[in-house]
Amino acid sequence: MEDENALDAPELAGMDYEQAVAQLRSRQNFGLAIAAGLGAAIVGAAIWAAVVYVTNYEIGLIAVALGAVVGLAIRATGNGVDQKFGILGGACAAFGWALGTLLADVAIAAQQFDKPFMDVLTQADLMALVSLLASPMDLLFLGIAVFEGYKLAFRYKV
C-alpha cells in the first residue's frame, strides 16, 4: 500500500509502514496549512475575478485550478497525512470558489454598467449576488474545486 507520493522521501527509506506514518505525522502542521489554504483561496479568487474583468468571460476551469492550488498549498505547508487536511482543502477550495464567483459577478456587473469595480463591490446588494451562486454550472465547478482541494491537500495513502 505504498503511495509514491508519500514514501519517496529518502529519510523514509527502509522504514516499515508504521514507522513511516509516525515520521510523517510528526511533521504535520495544521495551523500553517490553514493559513496557506486561506491565502491560496484568496489569491486564487482574486486572479479569477481579474481574468473575468479582463476577458468579460467567466472561465469555470479557473475554479478547478483554484481547488488544485489550494490543495497543493495545504499539502506543501501542512505535510498532512490525516484526513483533516483533506477536509480543510475542500473547505478552503469552497471558500475560494464562492469568493471568486462573487468577485467575478461583480467584475461582470462593473463592465456592464461601465462603473469601477470597487464602486460596484461597495454598492452591491451582496444577498442578491449570493443568489447568483446557485446555477447548475457553478455548482458543478464548486464540486470539482472541492474535490481537487480535498484530494490534493494530504497524502491519503501512506
N, C-alpha and C. Protein backbone atom coordinates (compact mmCIF):
# COMPACT_ATOMS: atom_id res chain seq x y z
N MET A 1 0.82 -1.20 0.00
CA MET A 1 0.00 0.00 0.00
C MET A 1 0.86 1.26 0.00
N GLU A 2 1.92 1.25 -0.76
CA GLU A 2 2.76 2.44 -0.80
C GLU A 2 2.24 3.40 -1.85
N ASP A 3 2.30 4.65 -1.55
CA ASP A 3 1.99 5.71 -2.49
C ASP A 3 3.30 6.39 -2.82
N GLU A 4 3.63 6.45 -4.11
CA GLU A 4 4.91 7.04 -4.47
C GLU A 4 5.03 8.46 -3.96
N ASN A 5 3.91 9.10 -3.70
CA ASN A 5 3.89 10.47 -3.21
C ASN A 5 4.21 10.54 -1.72
N ALA A 6 4.01 9.49 -1.00
CA ALA A 6 4.15 9.54 0.45
C ALA A 6 5.47 8.98 0.95
N LEU A 7 5.95 7.93 0.33
CA LEU A 7 7.14 7.27 0.86
C LEU A 7 8.37 7.48 -0.02
N ASP A 8 8.36 8.51 -0.87
CA ASP A 8 9.50 8.73 -1.73
C ASP A 8 10.61 9.52 -1.06
N ALA A 9 10.38 10.05 0.10
CA ALA A 9 11.41 10.82 0.79
C ALA A 9 12.53 9.89 1.23
N PRO A 10 13.77 10.30 1.00
CA PRO A 10 14.91 9.44 1.35
C PRO A 10 14.94 9.08 2.84
N GLU A 11 14.52 9.99 3.69
CA GLU A 11 14.57 9.70 5.13
C GLU A 11 13.57 8.62 5.55
N LEU A 12 12.63 8.28 4.68
CA LEU A 12 11.66 7.23 5.00
C LEU A 12 12.08 5.87 4.44
N ALA A 13 13.12 5.86 3.64
CA ALA A 13 13.57 4.61 3.03
C ALA A 13 14.00 3.62 4.12
N GLY A 14 13.59 2.41 3.97
CA GLY A 14 13.96 1.36 4.91
C GLY A 14 13.05 1.26 6.11
N MET A 15 12.12 2.18 6.27
CA MET A 15 11.19 2.12 7.40
C MET A 15 10.02 1.23 7.04
N ASP A 16 9.46 0.57 8.07
CA ASP A 16 8.23 -0.15 7.81
C ASP A 16 7.07 0.85 7.80
N TYR A 17 5.90 0.36 7.48
CA TYR A 17 4.73 1.21 7.31
C TYR A 17 4.44 2.06 8.54
N GLU A 18 4.39 1.47 9.72
CA GLU A 18 4.07 2.20 10.95
C GLU A 18 5.11 3.28 11.26
N GLN A 19 6.36 2.97 11.06
CA GLN A 19 7.42 3.96 11.30
C GLN A 19 7.31 5.13 10.33
N ALA A 20 7.03 4.83 9.07
CA ALA A 20 6.90 5.89 8.07
C ALA A 20 5.72 6.80 8.38
N VAL A 21 4.59 6.21 8.78
CA VAL A 21 3.41 7.01 9.13
C VAL A 21 3.70 7.87 10.35
N ALA A 22 4.35 7.31 11.35
CA ALA A 22 4.70 8.08 12.55
C ALA A 22 5.63 9.24 12.20
N GLN A 23 6.60 8.98 11.32
CA GLN A 23 7.52 10.03 10.90
C GLN A 23 6.77 11.14 10.16
N LEU A 24 5.88 10.76 9.25
CA LEU A 24 5.11 11.76 8.51
C LEU A 24 4.19 12.56 9.43
N ARG A 25 3.55 11.88 10.37
CA ARG A 25 2.65 12.59 11.31
C ARG A 25 3.40 13.56 12.20
N SER A 26 4.64 13.27 12.51
CA SER A 26 5.41 14.17 13.37
C SER A 26 5.73 15.49 12.66
N ARG A 27 5.65 15.51 11.32
CA ARG A 27 5.94 16.72 10.56
C ARG A 27 4.69 17.53 10.21
N GLN A 28 3.50 17.05 10.59
CA GLN A 28 2.26 17.75 10.26
C GLN A 28 2.20 19.11 10.96
N ASN A 29 1.63 20.11 10.27
CA ASN A 29 1.45 21.44 10.83
C ASN A 29 0.11 21.97 10.35
N PHE A 30 -0.95 21.73 11.13
CA PHE A 30 -2.30 22.10 10.70
C PHE A 30 -2.50 23.61 10.70
N GLY A 31 -1.90 24.31 11.64
CA GLY A 31 -2.04 25.77 11.69
C GLY A 31 -1.48 26.43 10.44
N LEU A 32 -0.31 25.99 10.03
CA LEU A 32 0.29 26.53 8.82
C LEU A 32 -0.53 26.14 7.58
N ALA A 33 -1.10 24.97 7.60
CA ALA A 33 -1.95 24.52 6.49
C ALA A 33 -3.19 25.40 6.37
N ILE A 34 -3.77 25.81 7.49
CA ILE A 34 -4.94 26.70 7.46
C ILE A 34 -4.57 28.02 6.80
N ALA A 35 -3.46 28.61 7.25
CA ALA A 35 -3.03 29.89 6.69
C ALA A 35 -2.75 29.77 5.19
N ALA A 36 -2.06 28.71 4.79
CA ALA A 36 -1.74 28.52 3.37
C ALA A 36 -2.99 28.30 2.54
N GLY A 37 -3.92 27.51 3.07
CA GLY A 37 -5.16 27.24 2.34
C GLY A 37 -6.00 28.49 2.14
N LEU A 38 -6.14 29.28 3.19
CA LEU A 38 -6.91 30.53 3.07
C LEU A 38 -6.20 31.52 2.16
N GLY A 39 -4.89 31.62 2.29
CA GLY A 39 -4.13 32.52 1.42
C GLY A 39 -4.26 32.14 -0.04
N ALA A 40 -4.11 30.85 -0.33
CA ALA A 40 -4.24 30.38 -1.71
C ALA A 40 -5.65 30.60 -2.23
N ALA A 41 -6.65 30.42 -1.39
CA ALA A 41 -8.04 30.62 -1.80
C ALA A 41 -8.30 32.09 -2.14
N ILE A 42 -7.78 32.99 -1.34
CA ILE A 42 -7.99 34.42 -1.58
C ILE A 42 -7.25 34.87 -2.83
N VAL A 43 -6.00 34.45 -2.99
CA VAL A 43 -5.23 34.82 -4.19
C VAL A 43 -5.90 34.23 -5.44
N GLY A 44 -6.32 32.98 -5.35
CA GLY A 44 -6.99 32.35 -6.48
C GLY A 44 -8.29 33.05 -6.85
N ALA A 45 -9.05 33.46 -5.84
CA ALA A 45 -10.30 34.17 -6.10
C ALA A 45 -10.03 35.52 -6.77
N ALA A 46 -9.00 36.20 -6.33
CA ALA A 46 -8.64 37.50 -6.93
C ALA A 46 -8.20 37.33 -8.38
N ILE A 47 -7.42 36.28 -8.64
CA ILE A 47 -6.99 36.01 -10.02
C ILE A 47 -8.19 35.70 -10.90
N TRP A 48 -9.11 34.89 -10.36
CA TRP A 48 -10.31 34.55 -11.11
C TRP A 48 -11.09 35.81 -11.47
N ALA A 49 -11.30 36.69 -10.50
CA ALA A 49 -12.04 37.93 -10.76
C ALA A 49 -11.30 38.81 -11.77
N ALA A 50 -9.98 38.87 -11.67
CA ALA A 50 -9.20 39.69 -12.60
C ALA A 50 -9.33 39.14 -14.03
N VAL A 51 -9.28 37.82 -14.19
CA VAL A 51 -9.43 37.23 -15.52
C VAL A 51 -10.82 37.54 -16.08
N VAL A 52 -11.84 37.45 -15.25
CA VAL A 52 -13.20 37.76 -15.71
C VAL A 52 -13.30 39.23 -16.09
N TYR A 53 -12.71 40.09 -15.30
CA TYR A 53 -12.76 41.52 -15.56
C TYR A 53 -12.08 41.85 -16.89
N VAL A 54 -10.95 41.20 -17.16
CA VAL A 54 -10.20 41.49 -18.38
C VAL A 54 -10.86 40.85 -19.60
N THR A 55 -11.32 39.61 -19.46
CA THR A 55 -11.85 38.88 -20.62
C THR A 55 -13.36 39.02 -20.79
N ASN A 56 -14.04 39.46 -19.75
CA ASN A 56 -15.51 39.54 -19.74
C ASN A 56 -16.13 38.16 -19.96
N TYR A 57 -15.43 37.14 -19.49
CA TYR A 57 -15.90 35.76 -19.65
C TYR A 57 -15.54 34.98 -18.40
N GLU A 58 -16.51 34.31 -17.82
CA GLU A 58 -16.28 33.53 -16.60
C GLU A 58 -15.81 32.13 -16.99
N ILE A 59 -14.56 31.86 -16.71
CA ILE A 59 -13.95 30.60 -17.10
C ILE A 59 -13.99 29.66 -15.90
N GLY A 60 -14.85 28.68 -15.97
CA GLY A 60 -15.03 27.77 -14.84
C GLY A 60 -13.83 26.92 -14.52
N LEU A 61 -12.98 26.69 -15.49
CA LEU A 61 -11.79 25.88 -15.22
C LEU A 61 -10.86 26.55 -14.22
N ILE A 62 -10.98 27.86 -14.09
CA ILE A 62 -10.17 28.54 -13.08
C ILE A 62 -10.59 28.07 -11.69
N ALA A 63 -11.87 27.75 -11.52
CA ALA A 63 -12.33 27.21 -10.23
C ALA A 63 -11.68 25.87 -9.94
N VAL A 64 -11.52 25.07 -10.97
CA VAL A 64 -10.86 23.78 -10.81
C VAL A 64 -9.39 24.00 -10.43
N ALA A 65 -8.73 24.91 -11.14
CA ALA A 65 -7.34 25.22 -10.82
C ALA A 65 -7.22 25.79 -9.41
N LEU A 66 -8.18 26.60 -9.01
CA LEU A 66 -8.18 27.17 -7.66
C LEU A 66 -8.20 26.04 -6.62
N GLY A 67 -9.07 25.06 -6.82
CA GLY A 67 -9.12 23.92 -5.89
C GLY A 67 -7.81 23.17 -5.84
N ALA A 68 -7.19 22.99 -7.00
CA ALA A 68 -5.92 22.28 -7.05
C ALA A 68 -4.81 23.07 -6.35
N VAL A 69 -4.76 24.37 -6.59
CA VAL A 69 -3.72 25.20 -5.97
C VAL A 69 -3.90 25.23 -4.45
N VAL A 70 -5.14 25.34 -4.00
CA VAL A 70 -5.41 25.32 -2.56
C VAL A 70 -4.94 24.00 -1.95
N GLY A 71 -5.32 22.90 -2.58
CA GLY A 71 -4.92 21.59 -2.06
C GLY A 71 -3.41 21.42 -2.02
N LEU A 72 -2.74 21.84 -3.08
CA LEU A 72 -1.28 21.71 -3.13
C LEU A 72 -0.60 22.62 -2.11
N ALA A 73 -1.15 23.80 -1.88
CA ALA A 73 -0.58 24.72 -0.88
C ALA A 73 -0.70 24.11 0.52
N ILE A 74 -1.84 23.50 0.79
CA ILE A 74 -2.04 22.87 2.09
C ILE A 74 -1.11 21.67 2.25
N ARG A 75 -0.98 20.88 1.21
CA ARG A 75 -0.09 19.72 1.28
C ARG A 75 1.37 20.15 1.49
N ALA A 76 1.80 21.16 0.75
CA ALA A 76 3.19 21.60 0.82
C ALA A 76 3.55 22.20 2.18
N THR A 77 2.62 22.91 2.79
CA THR A 77 2.93 23.58 4.06
C THR A 77 2.54 22.75 5.27
N GLY A 78 1.48 22.00 5.15
CA GLY A 78 0.98 21.24 6.30
C GLY A 78 1.58 19.87 6.46
N ASN A 79 2.13 19.31 5.38
CA ASN A 79 2.70 17.96 5.41
C ASN A 79 1.73 16.95 6.01
N GLY A 80 0.47 17.08 5.69
CA GLY A 80 -0.55 16.25 6.33
C GLY A 80 -0.73 14.88 5.75
N VAL A 81 -0.99 13.93 6.64
CA VAL A 81 -1.39 12.59 6.23
C VAL A 81 -2.77 12.26 6.78
N ASP A 82 -3.26 13.06 7.71
CA ASP A 82 -4.57 12.81 8.29
C ASP A 82 -5.66 13.43 7.42
N GLN A 83 -6.85 12.86 7.49
CA GLN A 83 -7.96 13.29 6.66
C GLN A 83 -8.36 14.74 6.91
N LYS A 84 -8.10 15.27 8.09
CA LYS A 84 -8.49 16.65 8.38
C LYS A 84 -7.83 17.63 7.41
N PHE A 85 -6.68 17.29 6.84
CA PHE A 85 -6.05 18.16 5.85
C PHE A 85 -6.85 18.17 4.56
N GLY A 86 -7.41 17.04 4.20
CA GLY A 86 -8.27 16.98 3.02
C GLY A 86 -9.56 17.76 3.22
N ILE A 87 -10.14 17.64 4.39
CA ILE A 87 -11.36 18.40 4.70
C ILE A 87 -11.06 19.89 4.65
N LEU A 88 -9.92 20.29 5.21
CA LEU A 88 -9.50 21.69 5.14
C LEU A 88 -9.34 22.13 3.69
N GLY A 89 -8.73 21.30 2.87
CA GLY A 89 -8.56 21.62 1.46
C GLY A 89 -9.89 21.82 0.75
N GLY A 90 -10.85 20.95 1.03
CA GLY A 90 -12.17 21.11 0.43
C GLY A 90 -12.87 22.37 0.89
N ALA A 91 -12.77 22.66 2.20
CA ALA A 91 -13.43 23.85 2.74
C ALA A 91 -12.79 25.13 2.19
N CYS A 92 -11.47 25.18 2.13
CA CYS A 92 -10.79 26.37 1.60
C CYS A 92 -11.08 26.52 0.10
N ALA A 93 -11.15 25.43 -0.62
CA ALA A 93 -11.49 25.50 -2.04
C ALA A 93 -12.91 26.03 -2.23
N ALA A 94 -13.84 25.59 -1.39
CA ALA A 94 -15.22 26.09 -1.47
C ALA A 94 -15.26 27.59 -1.17
N PHE A 95 -14.51 28.01 -0.16
CA PHE A 95 -14.44 29.44 0.17
C PHE A 95 -13.86 30.22 -1.01
N GLY A 96 -12.78 29.74 -1.58
CA GLY A 96 -12.16 30.42 -2.72
C GLY A 96 -13.09 30.46 -3.92
N TRP A 97 -13.80 29.37 -4.16
CA TRP A 97 -14.76 29.32 -5.26
C TRP A 97 -15.85 30.36 -5.05
N ALA A 98 -16.43 30.40 -3.84
CA ALA A 98 -17.52 31.35 -3.55
C ALA A 98 -17.03 32.79 -3.69
N LEU A 99 -15.87 33.07 -3.11
CA LEU A 99 -15.33 34.43 -3.21
C LEU A 99 -14.99 34.77 -4.66
N GLY A 100 -14.39 33.84 -5.38
CA GLY A 100 -14.06 34.08 -6.79
C GLY A 100 -15.30 34.29 -7.64
N THR A 101 -16.34 33.49 -7.40
CA THR A 101 -17.59 33.64 -8.15
C THR A 101 -18.23 34.99 -7.84
N LEU A 102 -18.25 35.36 -6.59
CA LEU A 102 -18.81 36.64 -6.18
C LEU A 102 -18.05 37.80 -6.82
N LEU A 103 -16.72 37.76 -6.73
CA LEU A 103 -15.91 38.82 -7.32
C LEU A 103 -16.03 38.84 -8.85
N ALA A 104 -16.14 37.67 -9.46
CA ALA A 104 -16.32 37.60 -10.91
C ALA A 104 -17.66 38.22 -11.31
N ASP A 105 -18.70 37.94 -10.56
CA ASP A 105 -20.01 38.53 -10.85
C ASP A 105 -19.97 40.05 -10.70
N VAL A 106 -19.26 40.53 -9.69
CA VAL A 106 -19.10 41.97 -9.53
C VAL A 106 -18.32 42.54 -10.71
N ALA A 107 -17.29 41.83 -11.17
CA ALA A 107 -16.50 42.29 -12.31
C ALA A 107 -17.36 42.39 -13.57
N ILE A 108 -18.21 41.40 -13.79
CA ILE A 108 -19.10 41.43 -14.96
C ILE A 108 -20.07 42.58 -14.84
N ALA A 109 -20.64 42.78 -13.65
CA ALA A 109 -21.58 43.89 -13.44
C ALA A 109 -20.87 45.23 -13.64
N ALA A 110 -19.65 45.35 -13.18
CA ALA A 110 -18.90 46.60 -13.35
C ALA A 110 -18.72 46.92 -14.84
N GLN A 111 -18.41 45.90 -15.63
CA GLN A 111 -18.24 46.14 -17.06
C GLN A 111 -19.57 46.48 -17.72
N GLN A 112 -20.63 45.77 -17.34
CA GLN A 112 -21.93 46.02 -17.95
C GLN A 112 -22.46 47.41 -17.65
N PHE A 113 -22.23 47.89 -16.44
CA PHE A 113 -22.72 49.21 -16.04
C PHE A 113 -21.68 50.31 -16.23
N ASP A 114 -20.52 49.92 -16.77
CA ASP A 114 -19.43 50.86 -17.02
C ASP A 114 -19.08 51.68 -15.77
N LYS A 115 -18.91 50.94 -14.69
CA LYS A 115 -18.55 51.55 -13.40
C LYS A 115 -17.28 50.88 -12.89
N PRO A 116 -16.54 51.57 -12.04
CA PRO A 116 -15.36 50.94 -11.45
C PRO A 116 -15.73 49.74 -10.58
N PHE A 117 -14.85 48.76 -10.60
CA PHE A 117 -15.07 47.52 -9.85
C PHE A 117 -15.39 47.80 -8.38
N MET A 118 -14.58 48.65 -7.73
CA MET A 118 -14.77 48.92 -6.30
C MET A 118 -16.10 49.61 -6.02
N ASP A 119 -16.56 50.46 -6.94
CA ASP A 119 -17.87 51.11 -6.73
C ASP A 119 -18.98 50.07 -6.73
N VAL A 120 -18.92 49.16 -7.69
CA VAL A 120 -19.95 48.12 -7.77
C VAL A 120 -19.87 47.21 -6.55
N LEU A 121 -18.67 46.87 -6.13
CA LEU A 121 -18.50 45.99 -4.97
C LEU A 121 -19.06 46.63 -3.70
N THR A 122 -18.79 47.90 -3.49
CA THR A 122 -19.25 48.55 -2.25
C THR A 122 -20.72 48.89 -2.28
N GLN A 123 -21.31 49.04 -3.47
CA GLN A 123 -22.72 49.42 -3.57
C GLN A 123 -23.64 48.23 -3.84
N ALA A 124 -23.07 47.08 -4.10
CA ALA A 124 -23.87 45.92 -4.48
C ALA A 124 -24.65 45.36 -3.30
N ASP A 125 -25.80 44.82 -3.61
CA ASP A 125 -26.58 44.08 -2.63
C ASP A 125 -26.01 42.66 -2.61
N LEU A 126 -25.20 42.38 -1.60
CA LEU A 126 -24.49 41.09 -1.58
C LEU A 126 -25.45 39.90 -1.52
N MET A 127 -26.60 40.07 -0.90
CA MET A 127 -27.56 38.96 -0.87
C MET A 127 -28.07 38.64 -2.26
N ALA A 128 -28.27 39.67 -3.09
CA ALA A 128 -28.69 39.42 -4.47
C ALA A 128 -27.59 38.72 -5.25
N LEU A 129 -26.34 39.11 -4.99
CA LEU A 129 -25.22 38.46 -5.67
C LEU A 129 -25.05 37.02 -5.22
N VAL A 130 -25.26 36.76 -3.95
CA VAL A 130 -25.13 35.40 -3.43
C VAL A 130 -26.14 34.48 -4.11
N SER A 131 -27.32 35.00 -4.43
CA SER A 131 -28.33 34.17 -5.09
C SER A 131 -27.88 33.75 -6.48
N LEU A 132 -26.92 34.47 -7.06
CA LEU A 132 -26.40 34.11 -8.37
C LEU A 132 -25.47 32.90 -8.32
N LEU A 133 -25.06 32.51 -7.13
CA LEU A 133 -24.08 31.44 -6.98
C LEU A 133 -24.68 30.04 -7.07
N ALA A 134 -25.90 29.92 -7.51
CA ALA A 134 -26.56 28.63 -7.46
C ALA A 134 -26.89 28.06 -8.83
N SER A 135 -26.25 28.52 -9.89
CA SER A 135 -26.53 27.95 -11.20
C SER A 135 -25.95 26.53 -11.25
N PRO A 136 -26.54 25.66 -12.05
CA PRO A 136 -26.01 24.29 -12.13
C PRO A 136 -24.54 24.22 -12.53
N MET A 137 -24.13 25.09 -13.45
CA MET A 137 -22.73 25.08 -13.88
C MET A 137 -21.82 25.52 -12.73
N ASP A 138 -22.23 26.56 -12.00
CA ASP A 138 -21.45 26.99 -10.84
C ASP A 138 -21.32 25.87 -9.82
N LEU A 139 -22.41 25.16 -9.57
CA LEU A 139 -22.37 24.07 -8.59
C LEU A 139 -21.48 22.92 -9.07
N LEU A 140 -21.46 22.69 -10.37
CA LEU A 140 -20.57 21.67 -10.91
C LEU A 140 -19.11 22.05 -10.65
N PHE A 141 -18.77 23.29 -10.95
CA PHE A 141 -17.39 23.73 -10.73
C PHE A 141 -17.06 23.79 -9.24
N LEU A 142 -18.04 24.10 -8.40
CA LEU A 142 -17.82 24.05 -6.95
C LEU A 142 -17.44 22.63 -6.55
N GLY A 143 -18.21 21.66 -7.01
CA GLY A 143 -17.93 20.27 -6.66
C GLY A 143 -16.55 19.82 -7.11
N ILE A 144 -16.17 20.22 -8.31
CA ILE A 144 -14.85 19.84 -8.81
C ILE A 144 -13.75 20.53 -8.01
N ALA A 145 -13.94 21.81 -7.69
CA ALA A 145 -12.94 22.55 -6.91
C ALA A 145 -12.78 21.92 -5.53
N VAL A 146 -13.89 21.57 -4.89
CA VAL A 146 -13.83 20.95 -3.56
C VAL A 146 -13.14 19.60 -3.64
N PHE A 147 -13.47 18.82 -4.65
CA PHE A 147 -12.83 17.52 -4.83
C PHE A 147 -11.32 17.66 -5.01
N GLU A 148 -10.91 18.60 -5.87
CA GLU A 148 -9.48 18.82 -6.10
C GLU A 148 -8.80 19.30 -4.82
N GLY A 149 -9.43 20.23 -4.11
CA GLY A 149 -8.87 20.72 -2.85
C GLY A 149 -8.72 19.61 -1.83
N TYR A 150 -9.72 18.73 -1.77
CA TYR A 150 -9.68 17.62 -0.82
C TYR A 150 -8.57 16.63 -1.17
N LYS A 151 -8.59 16.15 -2.41
CA LYS A 151 -7.68 15.04 -2.74
C LYS A 151 -6.21 15.46 -2.79
N LEU A 152 -5.93 16.72 -3.06
CA LEU A 152 -4.54 17.15 -3.17
C LEU A 152 -3.97 17.70 -1.86
N ALA A 153 -4.79 17.85 -0.83
CA ALA A 153 -4.35 18.52 0.39
C ALA A 153 -3.57 17.62 1.34
N PHE A 154 -3.68 16.33 1.18
CA PHE A 154 -2.98 15.42 2.11
C PHE A 154 -2.58 14.16 1.38
N ARG A 155 -1.70 13.45 2.02
CA ARG A 155 -1.24 12.17 1.47
C ARG A 155 -2.19 11.11 1.98
N TYR A 156 -3.16 10.76 1.17
CA TYR A 156 -4.22 9.86 1.62
C TYR A 156 -3.81 8.40 1.65
N LYS A 157 -2.71 8.07 1.00
CA LYS A 157 -2.17 6.71 1.09
C LYS A 157 -0.75 6.83 1.58
N VAL A 158 -0.40 5.99 2.49
CA VAL A 158 0.97 6.03 3.01
C VAL A 158 1.59 4.66 2.82
